[in-house]
Amino acid sequence: MFENMGDMSKMLEQVQEQAKKMEAEMESKEYTAKVGGGMLEIKMSGKGEVIDINIDNSLLEDKSSLQIMLISCINDANKMVEKDKQNSAMGMLGGMGDLGAIFGNK
């Protein structure tokens, strides 16, 4: 698979470079989750940080519903971020030839 340790070292350097690029791309992305027919909307960064929340005024009078919707919406946004991270990682490994085959098949 690897002719020598130099080839493996080069491959690992490529993995590190691609991982850094992927991380930078993820950080620049934004994900939006909506619940309650759009009554609650959360925008999250690729780092998993909430960056904006929009709440319909009608929810302000129903604390219990607002809490349930917030939990649901935050969880949905987190799932979007994690799924995109996994897809990006698998895509990165898929393009790495032998190394991608080794890690991608686990």
Protein backbone atom coordinates (compact mmCIF):
# COMPACT_ATOMS: atom_id res chain seq x y z
CA MET A 1 0.00 0.00 0.00
CA PHE A 2 2.67 2.53 1.01
CA GLU A 3 6.03 2.27 -0.75
CA ASN A 4 7.87 3.75 2.21
CA MET A 5 7.44 5.86 5.31
CA GLY A 6 7.88 9.01 3.23
CA ASP A 7 4.74 8.20 1.24
CA MET A 8 2.80 7.64 4.44
CA SER A 9 4.10 10.90 5.87
CA LYS A 10 3.00 12.80 2.75
CA MET A 11 -0.42 11.18 2.94
CA LEU A 12 -0.81 12.18 6.59
CA GLU A 13 0.20 15.76 5.75
CA GLN A 14 -2.50 15.81 3.07
CA VAL A 15 -5.05 14.54 5.59
CA GLN A 16 -4.11 17.30 8.03
CA GLU A 17 -4.34 19.98 5.33
CA GLN A 18 -7.72 18.74 4.15
CA ALA A 19 -8.99 18.52 7.74
CA LYS A 20 -8.01 22.16 8.32
CA LYS A 21 -9.77 23.22 5.10
CA MET A 22 -12.87 21.25 6.06
CA GLU A 23 -12.91 22.83 9.52
CA ALA A 24 -12.61 26.34 8.04
CA GLU A 25 -15.43 25.60 5.58
CA MET A 26 -17.64 24.26 8.37
CA GLU A 27 -17.02 27.34 10.52
CA SER A 28 -18.18 29.61 7.71
CA LYS A 29 -21.46 27.75 7.15
CA GLU A 30 -24.79 28.61 8.73
CA TYR A 31 -27.67 26.24 9.40
CA THR A 32 -31.29 27.22 10.01
CA ALA A 33 -33.85 25.07 11.79
CA LYS A 34 -37.53 25.96 12.09
CA VAL A 35 -40.28 24.45 14.22
CA GLY A 36 -43.93 25.19 14.83
CA GLY A 37 -44.59 26.13 11.24
CA GLY A 38 -41.84 28.72 11.38
CA MET A 39 -42.95 30.23 14.68
CA LEU A 40 -39.47 29.57 16.04
CA GLU A 41 -36.30 29.74 13.98
CA ILE A 42 -32.72 29.18 15.10
CA LYS A 43 -29.61 29.91 13.07
CA MET A 44 -26.46 28.03 14.05
CA SER A 45 -22.87 28.29 12.88
CA GLY A 46 -20.84 25.34 11.67
CA LYS A 47 -19.10 25.46 15.04
CA GLY A 48 -22.41 24.54 16.66
CA GLU A 49 -22.95 27.98 18.18
CA VAL A 50 -26.40 29.57 18.13
CA ILE A 51 -26.03 32.89 16.30
CA ASP A 52 -29.65 34.01 15.97
CA ILE A 53 -33.11 33.17 17.31
CA ASN A 54 -36.42 34.43 15.94
CA ILE A 55 -39.50 33.86 18.10
CA ASP A 56 -43.05 34.62 17.02
CA ASN A 57 -44.66 36.98 19.53
CA SER A 58 -47.53 34.55 20.14
CA LEU A 59 -45.09 32.13 21.79
CA LEU A 60 -44.07 34.65 24.42
CA GLU A 61 -47.32 34.05 26.29
CA ASP A 62 -46.84 30.26 26.46
CA LYS A 63 -43.58 29.54 28.27
CA SER A 64 -44.03 25.75 28.26
CA SER A 65 -44.54 25.56 24.48
CA LEU A 66 -41.65 27.95 23.90
CA GLN A 67 -39.31 25.80 25.99
CA ILE A 68 -40.31 22.61 24.15
CA MET A 69 -39.93 24.29 20.77
CA LEU A 70 -36.53 25.75 21.69
CA ILE A 71 -35.22 22.35 22.70
CA SER A 72 -36.52 20.76 19.51
CA CYS A 73 -35.20 23.51 17.27
CA ILE A 74 -31.73 23.56 18.85
CA ASN A 75 -31.51 19.77 18.57
CA ASP A 76 -32.57 19.92 14.91
CA ALA A 77 -29.92 22.55 14.14
CA ASN A 78 -27.25 20.51 15.96
CA LYS A 79 -28.18 17.44 13.93
CA MET A 80 -27.78 19.46 10.71
CA VAL A 81 -24.29 20.56 11.75
CA GLU A 82 -23.21 17.06 12.78
CA LYS A 83 -24.60 15.42 9.65
CA ASP A 84 -22.78 17.94 7.46
CA LYS A 85 -19.54 17.32 9.38
CA GLN A 86 -19.89 13.58 8.87
CA ASN A 87 -20.66 13.98 5.17
CA SER A 88 -17.68 16.30 4.73
CA ALA A 89 -15.37 13.89 6.54
CA MET A 90 -16.55 10.93 4.48
CA GLY A 91 -16.13 12.96 1.30
CA MET A 92 -12.62 13.92 2.33
CA LEU A 93 -11.69 10.31 3.10
CA GLY A 94 -13.28 9.08 -0.12
CA GLY A 95 -10.93 11.27 -2.13
CA MET A 96 -7.81 10.00 -0.43
CA GLY A 97 -7.26 6.73 -2.26
CA ASP A 98 -5.81 3.96 -0.08
CA LEU A 99 -6.10 5.92 3.15
CA GLY A 100 -9.74 6.72 2.45
CA ALA A 101 -10.45 3.05 1.81
CA ILE A 102 -8.84 2.10 5.12
CA PHE A 103 -10.80 4.58 7.26
CA GLY A 104 -13.95 4.82 5.19
CA ASN A 105 -14.73 1.11 5.52
CA LYS A 106 -14.77 1.02 9.31
